[in-house]
């Protein structure tokens, strides 16, 4: 196998030394790494690595990224006097808003779509104080690598993500619910900068059916669960949340009378800056049957004081929660005019405007599982 035209030995130390001996620009290559590694200390660094083989793969990926960056720079310089070629390069540059993520074991697509959705936000923050080796710490390192690769416009390079599912104690080689994975991630920290933007706040009010006795509790939630029928409108459902939601009768012993029933009402007091909507597609009755409704949604939702824009759409392809495949459509959330992309693990394809996206989704609305607005 060759990297940068040089043979790669199984012993990565030999490979590094071969670069030093055969390439006059080896210092430049090492300086392009996000965290430049000193050759003399690399063997000690590898001895402390929890997964040396994975680290080797990332090291090799870094060199491939550098090689592609050099080629892209040369093409850009050659195109300076050729407007037609320059337009082609500009189009390629526009497409590189996202980087593909590998799925070598064919079961981590649920992790990949969450990675891409968080990356699309552009404002997702993980504090530096998180415990080293934790799920959020590993996620932060992968996000930094994704930014590194996207900035260098290397369309042939993909990310080999860290196995966060192992830290969260999720079983290997088994399809997982992408939202369960995401909720487990958020549950690992109480940091307000990380979790706060996802939290909507509401009050739950219980009123006795036979007397005026009432109790009120302030609560918060990270996800809006919505039905997924053919006539469900996300905008209309959100409006219901803002007015009165989940008006129902519940069993409850009254503290003032002998009544055992109460009226339960939820009233939202503030909406999260990052709005995560999950459609209830799966039945948890032992059958795992999937609902195939086609809800409708818009590219933005207006609240009283703010407007949030659609940045990510996650689709579940398959008939049950335990099987199938996750893909997503994303755009860079920091720019409301940014281009939509279709992402299927390592494959990234440019779609275009929201109108083009609607055409793309026309036959797949029954597979839409999660919407993220910001």
Protein backbone atom coordinates (compact mmCIF):
# COMPACT_ATOMS: atom_id res chain seq x y z
CA UNK A 1 0.00 0.00 0.00
CA UNK A 2 1.25 3.48 -0.84
CA UNK A 3 0.62 6.79 0.92
CA UNK A 4 2.12 9.92 -0.64
CA UNK A 5 3.97 7.61 -3.00
CA UNK A 6 5.77 5.91 -0.11
CA UNK A 7 5.41 2.31 1.08
CA UNK A 8 3.57 1.93 4.38
CA UNK A 9 5.10 -0.56 6.77
CA UNK A 10 2.95 -2.30 9.39
CA UNK A 11 5.17 -0.63 11.97
CA UNK A 12 4.10 3.01 11.82
CA UNK A 13 7.41 4.18 13.32
CA UNK A 14 9.20 2.76 10.29
CA UNK A 15 6.66 4.48 8.06
CA UNK A 16 7.27 7.85 9.74
CA UNK A 17 11.04 7.49 9.46
CA UNK A 18 10.66 6.62 5.77
CA UNK A 19 8.93 9.96 5.26
CA UNK A 20 11.75 11.77 7.04
CA UNK A 21 14.39 10.04 4.93
CA UNK A 22 12.66 10.19 1.53
CA UNK A 23 10.69 13.41 1.59
CA UNK A 24 12.36 16.80 1.89
CA UNK A 25 9.07 18.38 3.02
CA UNK A 26 8.44 16.04 5.95
CA UNK A 27 8.42 18.93 8.46
CA UNK A 28 5.63 20.63 6.53
CA UNK A 29 3.60 17.41 6.60
CA UNK A 30 3.91 17.05 10.35
CA UNK A 31 3.02 20.70 10.89
CA UNK A 32 -0.25 20.25 8.96
CA UNK A 33 -1.53 17.83 11.58
CA UNK A 34 -4.07 19.22 14.00
CA UNK A 35 -1.83 18.15 16.88
CA UNK A 36 1.73 17.83 15.49
CA UNK A 37 3.44 14.77 16.90
CA UNK A 38 7.14 14.65 17.70
CA UNK A 39 8.87 11.64 16.12
CA UNK A 40 11.11 10.97 19.10
CA UNK A 41 8.13 10.70 21.43
CA UNK A 42 5.75 8.94 19.05
CA UNK A 43 6.58 5.44 20.29
CA UNK A 44 5.84 6.53 23.87
CA UNK A 45 2.64 8.20 22.67
CA UNK A 46 1.49 4.99 20.97
CA UNK A 47 2.25 2.94 24.07
CA UNK A 48 -0.27 5.05 26.01
CA UNK A 49 -2.94 4.86 23.31
CA UNK A 50 -6.04 2.88 24.24
CA UNK A 51 -6.40 1.67 20.64
CA UNK A 52 -3.09 1.73 18.73
CA UNK A 53 -4.56 0.24 15.55
CA UNK A 54 -7.21 2.95 15.37
CA UNK A 55 -4.56 5.60 16.01
CA UNK A 56 -2.47 4.22 13.16
CA UNK A 57 -5.44 4.50 10.82
CA UNK A 58 -6.05 8.12 11.87
CA UNK A 59 -2.36 8.93 11.36
CA UNK A 60 -2.47 7.54 7.84
CA UNK A 61 -5.69 9.45 7.15
CA UNK A 62 -3.93 12.67 8.16
CA UNK A 63 -1.24 12.09 5.51
CA UNK A 64 -3.81 11.32 2.83
CA UNK A 65 -5.59 14.55 3.77
CA UNK A 66 -2.35 16.50 3.41
CA UNK A 67 -1.67 14.93 0.01
CA UNK A 68 -5.13 15.86 -1.27
CA UNK A 69 -4.73 19.41 0.05
CA UNK A 70 -1.47 19.82 -1.89
CA UNK A 71 -3.17 18.63 -5.09
CA UNK A 72 -6.14 20.95 -4.53
CA UNK A 73 -3.79 23.93 -4.03
CA UNK A 74 -1.95 23.14 -7.26
CA UNK A 75 -5.24 22.90 -9.20
CA UNK A 76 -6.35 26.24 -7.75
CA UNK A 77 -3.12 27.93 -8.85
CA UNK A 78 -3.45 26.49 -12.36
CA UNK A 79 -7.05 27.69 -12.60
CA UNK A 80 -6.19 31.32 -11.83
CA UNK A 81 -6.01 32.15 -15.56
CA UNK A 82 -8.87 29.84 -16.61
CA UNK A 83 -12.34 31.14 -15.58
CA UNK A 84 -14.17 27.96 -16.68
CA UNK A 85 -11.92 25.74 -14.63
CA UNK A 86 -12.13 28.15 -11.70
CA UNK A 87 -15.95 27.85 -11.69
CA UNK A 88 -15.62 24.07 -11.52
CA UNK A 89 -13.29 24.38 -8.56
CA UNK A 90 -15.67 26.82 -6.86
CA UNK A 91 -18.50 24.31 -7.24
CA UNK A 92 -16.35 21.55 -5.75
CA UNK A 93 -15.40 23.88 -2.92
CA UNK A 94 -19.07 24.57 -2.18
CA UNK A 95 -19.81 20.87 -1.91
CA UNK A 96 -17.20 20.39 0.78
CA UNK A 97 -19.36 21.54 3.69
CA UNK A 98 -19.40 18.04 5.17
CA UNK A 99 -17.07 15.07 5.38
CA UNK A 100 -18.17 11.46 5.06
CA UNK A 101 -17.94 9.07 8.02
CA UNK A 102 -16.95 5.45 7.59
CA UNK A 103 -19.18 2.57 8.66
CA UNK A 104 -16.76 -0.37 8.40
CA UNK A 105 -18.76 -2.73 10.63
CA UNK A 106 -22.10 -1.84 9.00
CA UNK A 107 -23.97 -0.93 12.18
CA UNK A 108 -22.77 2.54 13.27
CA UNK A 109 -24.99 4.53 10.90
CA UNK A 110 -27.02 5.67 13.92
CA UNK A 111 -23.89 7.30 15.38
CA UNK A 112 -22.91 8.80 12.02
CA UNK A 113 -26.20 10.68 11.47
CA UNK A 114 -26.01 12.21 14.96
CA UNK A 115 -22.41 13.28 14.25
CA UNK A 116 -23.45 14.97 11.01
CA UNK A 117 -26.49 16.65 12.59
CA UNK A 118 -24.38 18.09 15.41
CA UNK A 119 -21.68 19.16 12.97
CA UNK A 120 -24.31 20.93 10.83
CA UNK A 121 -25.33 23.14 13.75
CA UNK A 122 -21.92 24.81 13.84
CA UNK A 123 -22.66 26.06 17.37
CA UNK A 124 -22.64 22.80 19.32
CA UNK A 125 -20.21 23.28 22.21
CA UNK A 126 -18.48 20.67 24.38
CA UNK A 127 -16.57 22.12 27.35
CA UNK A 128 -12.88 21.41 27.73
CA UNK A 129 -13.54 20.31 31.30
CA UNK A 130 -15.22 17.05 30.30
CA UNK A 131 -13.48 13.94 31.58
CA UNK A 132 -10.80 12.60 29.20
CA UNK A 133 -11.90 9.37 27.59
CA UNK A 134 -15.59 10.10 28.17
CA UNK A 135 -18.14 9.93 25.36
CA UNK A 136 -18.32 13.73 25.03
CA UNK A 137 -14.54 14.04 25.07
CA UNK A 138 -14.26 11.53 22.21
CA UNK A 139 -17.07 13.30 20.35
CA UNK A 140 -15.26 16.63 20.70
CA UNK A 141 -12.06 15.19 19.22
CA UNK A 142 -13.97 13.73 16.26
CA UNK A 143 -15.73 17.05 15.68
CA UNK A 144 -12.37 18.84 15.65
CA UNK A 145 -11.11 16.35 13.07
CA UNK A 146 -14.21 16.88 10.92
CA UNK A 147 -13.65 20.65 10.95
CA UNK A 148 -9.98 20.08 10.14
CA UNK A 149 -10.76 17.93 7.10
CA UNK A 150 -13.57 20.14 5.79
CA UNK A 151 -11.42 23.26 6.02
CA UNK A 152 -8.79 21.59 3.87
CA UNK A 153 -11.27 20.55 1.15
CA UNK A 154 -10.30 16.89 0.81
CA UNK A 155 -13.27 15.17 -0.89
CA UNK A 156 -11.62 11.74 -0.94
CA UNK A 157 -10.94 11.62 2.79
CA UNK A 158 -13.49 10.28 5.27
CA UNK A 159 -13.56 10.16 9.06
CA UNK A 160 -13.03 6.98 11.04
CA UNK A 161 -15.06 7.91 14.12
CA UNK A 162 -14.25 6.78 17.62
CA UNK A 163 -16.44 3.94 18.97
CA UNK A 164 -18.48 6.08 21.36
CA UNK A 165 -21.13 3.36 21.51
CA UNK A 166 -18.69 1.27 23.55
CA UNK A 167 -18.28 4.02 26.17
CA UNK A 168 -22.08 4.31 26.38
CA UNK A 169 -22.21 0.51 26.82
CA UNK A 170 -24.33 -0.08 23.74
CA UNK A 171 -23.97 -3.57 22.22
CA UNK A 172 -21.72 -4.05 19.22
CA UNK A 173 -22.97 -5.19 15.81
CA UNK A 174 -26.55 -4.26 16.72
CA UNK A 175 -28.62 -1.48 15.19
CA UNK A 176 -29.57 1.16 17.77
CA UNK A 177 -32.10 3.99 17.85
CA UNK A 178 -30.19 7.14 16.87
CA UNK A 179 -32.23 9.24 19.30
CA UNK A 180 -31.55 6.86 22.18
CA UNK A 181 -27.85 7.21 21.38
CA UNK A 182 -28.17 11.01 21.37
CA UNK A 183 -30.10 11.12 24.66
CA UNK A 184 -27.44 8.94 26.29
CA UNK A 185 -24.81 11.41 25.07
CA UNK A 186 -26.62 14.40 26.59
CA UNK A 187 -27.22 12.50 29.82
CA UNK A 188 -23.46 12.22 30.41
CA UNK A 189 -23.15 15.92 31.32
CA UNK A 190 -24.95 18.67 33.21
CA UNK A 191 -22.97 21.45 31.53
CA UNK A 192 -25.40 24.22 30.60
CA UNK A 193 -23.45 25.26 27.48
CA UNK A 194 -23.82 21.74 26.07
CA UNK A 195 -27.29 20.70 27.21
CA UNK A 196 -28.97 24.09 27.72
CA UNK A 197 -29.59 24.92 24.02
CA UNK A 198 -31.61 21.69 23.66
CA UNK A 199 -33.88 22.28 26.64
CA UNK A 200 -37.43 23.55 26.36
CA UNK A 201 -39.11 24.46 29.64
CA UNK A 202 -42.71 23.79 30.58
CA UNK A 203 -44.98 23.47 33.59
CA UNK A 204 -47.12 20.44 34.38
CA UNK A 205 -50.37 21.35 36.12
CA UNK A 206 -52.60 18.81 37.90
CA UNK A 207 -56.11 19.97 38.84
CA UNK A 208 -58.50 17.85 40.89
CA UNK A 209 -61.75 16.99 39.08
CA UNK A 210 -63.91 17.50 42.21
CA UNK A 211 -62.32 20.50 43.97
CA UNK A 212 -60.10 23.53 43.19
CA UNK A 213 -56.91 21.85 44.49
CA UNK A 214 -54.06 22.28 42.01
CA UNK A 215 -50.33 21.50 41.89
CA UNK A 216 -47.78 22.93 39.45
CA UNK A 217 -44.33 21.53 38.67
CA UNK A 218 -41.67 23.14 36.45
CA UNK A 219 -39.96 20.68 34.09
CA UNK A 220 -37.78 20.63 30.99
CA UNK A 221 -37.33 18.38 27.98
CA UNK A 222 -34.86 17.92 25.14
CA UNK A 223 -37.09 16.41 22.45
CA UNK A 224 -40.58 16.99 21.10
CA UNK A 225 -42.34 13.71 20.37
CA UNK A 226 -44.89 14.08 17.58
CA UNK A 227 -47.36 11.76 15.84
CA UNK A 228 -46.50 10.93 12.23
CA UNK A 229 -49.84 10.69 10.46
CA UNK A 230 -50.38 11.80 6.87
CA UNK A 231 -52.13 14.99 7.97
CA UNK A 232 -49.74 16.00 10.77
CA UNK A 233 -48.23 19.47 10.38
CA UNK A 234 -45.13 20.18 12.45
CA UNK A 235 -45.95 23.88 12.64
CA UNK A 236 -49.48 23.17 13.87
CA UNK A 237 -48.25 20.64 16.44
CA UNK A 238 -45.70 23.12 17.80
CA UNK A 239 -48.49 25.66 18.18
CA UNK A 240 -50.39 23.13 20.27
CA UNK A 241 -47.34 22.72 22.49
CA UNK A 242 -47.24 26.47 23.00
CA UNK A 243 -50.89 26.62 24.00
CA UNK A 244 -52.06 23.51 25.85
CA UNK A 245 -50.48 20.13 25.40
CA UNK A 246 -51.25 16.64 26.68
CA UNK A 247 -54.61 17.52 28.20
CA UNK A 248 -55.61 14.24 29.83
CA UNK A 249 -57.18 12.58 32.86
CA UNK A 250 -54.82 10.79 35.24
CA UNK A 251 -55.18 8.76 38.42
CA UNK A 252 -54.17 10.86 41.43
CA UNK A 253 -55.23 11.04 45.09
CA UNK A 254 -56.34 14.57 45.94
CA UNK A 255 -54.84 16.10 49.10
CA UNK A 256 -58.03 18.05 49.87
CA UNK A 257 -60.85 15.65 49.01
CA UNK A 258 -61.48 11.97 48.29
CA UNK A 259 -61.19 12.28 44.52
CA UNK A 260 -58.75 9.97 42.75
CA UNK A 261 -58.73 11.72 39.36
CA UNK A 262 -57.07 14.88 38.09
CA UNK A 263 -56.75 16.81 34.84
CA UNK A 264 -53.15 16.95 33.62
CA UNK A 265 -52.02 19.83 31.37
CA UNK A 266 -48.56 20.79 30.07
CA UNK A 267 -47.87 24.43 29.17
CA UNK A 268 -44.57 25.39 27.53
CA UNK A 269 -42.98 28.55 28.90
CA UNK A 270 -39.88 28.70 26.65
CA UNK A 271 -38.70 26.89 23.53
CA UNK A 272 -35.19 25.52 23.08
CA UNK A 273 -32.82 27.44 20.75
CA UNK A 274 -32.13 24.07 19.12
CA UNK A 275 -35.46 22.37 18.46
CA UNK A 276 -35.30 18.58 18.12
CA UNK A 277 -38.46 16.86 16.84
CA UNK A 278 -38.85 13.09 16.84
CA UNK A 279 -41.74 11.32 15.12
CA UNK A 280 -43.24 8.37 17.00
CA UNK A 281 -42.79 5.84 14.21
CA UNK A 282 -42.13 2.70 16.23
CA UNK A 283 -44.57 0.68 18.31
CA UNK A 284 -43.08 -0.69 21.53
CA UNK A 285 -45.65 -3.47 21.89
CA UNK A 286 -43.40 -6.38 21.01
CA UNK A 287 -44.10 -6.16 17.28
CA UNK A 288 -41.71 -3.29 16.49
CA UNK A 289 -44.06 -2.22 13.71
CA UNK A 290 -43.15 1.04 11.96
CA UNK A 291 -45.73 3.75 11.26
CA UNK A 292 -45.50 5.02 7.67
CA UNK A 293 -47.26 8.38 7.92
CA UNK A 294 -46.09 11.37 5.89
CA UNK A 295 -46.01 14.47 8.12
CA UNK A 296 -45.41 17.90 6.59
CA UNK A 297 -42.83 20.45 7.72
CA UNK A 298 -41.41 23.80 6.62
CA UNK A 299 -37.88 25.17 6.42
CA UNK A 300 -38.54 27.50 9.36
CA UNK A 301 -40.76 27.82 12.42
CA UNK A 302 -41.74 31.22 13.80
CA UNK A 303 -42.22 31.70 17.53
CA UNK A 304 -43.30 34.86 19.31
CA UNK A 305 -39.76 36.16 19.77
CA UNK A 306 -37.57 34.11 17.44
CA UNK A 307 -37.37 32.00 14.28
CA UNK A 308 -35.62 28.65 13.94
CA UNK A 309 -34.50 27.14 10.64
CA UNK A 310 -34.30 23.52 9.58
CA UNK A 311 -30.70 22.25 9.60
CA UNK A 312 -30.96 18.46 9.64
CA UNK A 313 -33.37 15.68 8.63
CA UNK A 314 -32.70 12.10 9.73
CA UNK A 315 -34.37 9.25 7.87
CA UNK A 316 -34.77 5.64 8.96
CA UNK A 317 -34.83 3.24 6.02
CA UNK A 318 -36.33 -0.10 6.96
CA UNK A 319 -39.35 -1.80 8.49
CA UNK A 320 -38.39 -2.00 12.17
CA UNK A 321 -36.26 -0.30 14.82
CA UNK A 322 -33.93 -3.30 15.14
CA UNK A 323 -33.02 -3.27 11.46
CA UNK A 324 -32.67 -0.88 8.56
CA UNK A 325 -30.32 2.01 7.94
CA UNK A 326 -30.01 5.71 8.88
CA UNK A 327 -29.21 8.50 6.42
CA UNK A 328 -29.56 12.26 6.76
CA UNK A 329 -29.92 15.54 4.90
CA UNK A 330 -27.97 18.45 6.39
CA UNK A 331 -26.94 22.01 5.71
CA UNK A 332 -24.61 24.35 7.58
CA UNK A 333 -26.87 25.90 10.21
CA UNK A 334 -24.90 29.13 10.60
CA UNK A 335 -25.98 30.23 7.10
CA UNK A 336 -29.72 30.15 6.28
CA UNK A 337 -28.88 30.12 2.55
CA UNK A 338 -26.44 27.20 2.75
CA UNK A 339 -26.71 24.20 0.45
CA UNK A 340 -28.43 20.97 1.46
CA UNK A 341 -26.46 17.71 1.29
CA UNK A 342 -27.45 14.06 1.31
CA UNK A 343 -25.18 12.04 3.62
CA UNK A 344 -25.09 8.25 3.72
CA UNK A 345 -22.13 7.23 5.91
CA UNK A 346 -19.04 7.98 3.78
CA UNK A 347 -21.07 9.26 0.82
CA UNK A 348 -21.77 13.01 0.66
CA UNK A 349 -23.84 14.37 -2.22
CA UNK A 350 -24.87 17.98 -2.92
CA UNK A 351 -28.66 18.51 -3.24
CA UNK A 352 -29.06 22.29 -3.45
CA UNK A 353 -31.87 24.53 -2.21
CA UNK A 354 -34.74 23.60 0.11
CA UNK A 355 -37.01 23.39 -2.95
CA UNK A 356 -34.66 20.82 -4.48
CA UNK A 357 -34.63 18.98 -1.15
CA UNK A 358 -38.45 18.78 -1.15
CA UNK A 359 -38.34 17.12 -4.56
CA UNK A 360 -35.71 14.70 -3.27
CA UNK A 361 -37.84 13.85 -0.21
CA UNK A 362 -41.14 13.50 -2.04
CA UNK A 363 -41.05 9.71 -2.08
CA UNK A 364 -39.39 9.36 1.34
CA UNK A 365 -41.56 11.37 3.74
CA UNK A 366 -42.71 8.10 5.33
CA UNK A 367 -39.08 7.55 6.42
CA UNK A 368 -38.45 10.94 8.07
CA UNK A 369 -37.66 10.24 11.74
CA UNK A 370 -36.00 13.36 13.23
CA UNK A 371 -35.99 17.08 12.40
CA UNK A 372 -33.55 19.56 13.95
CA UNK A 373 -34.16 23.31 13.79
CA UNK A 374 -31.81 26.02 15.06
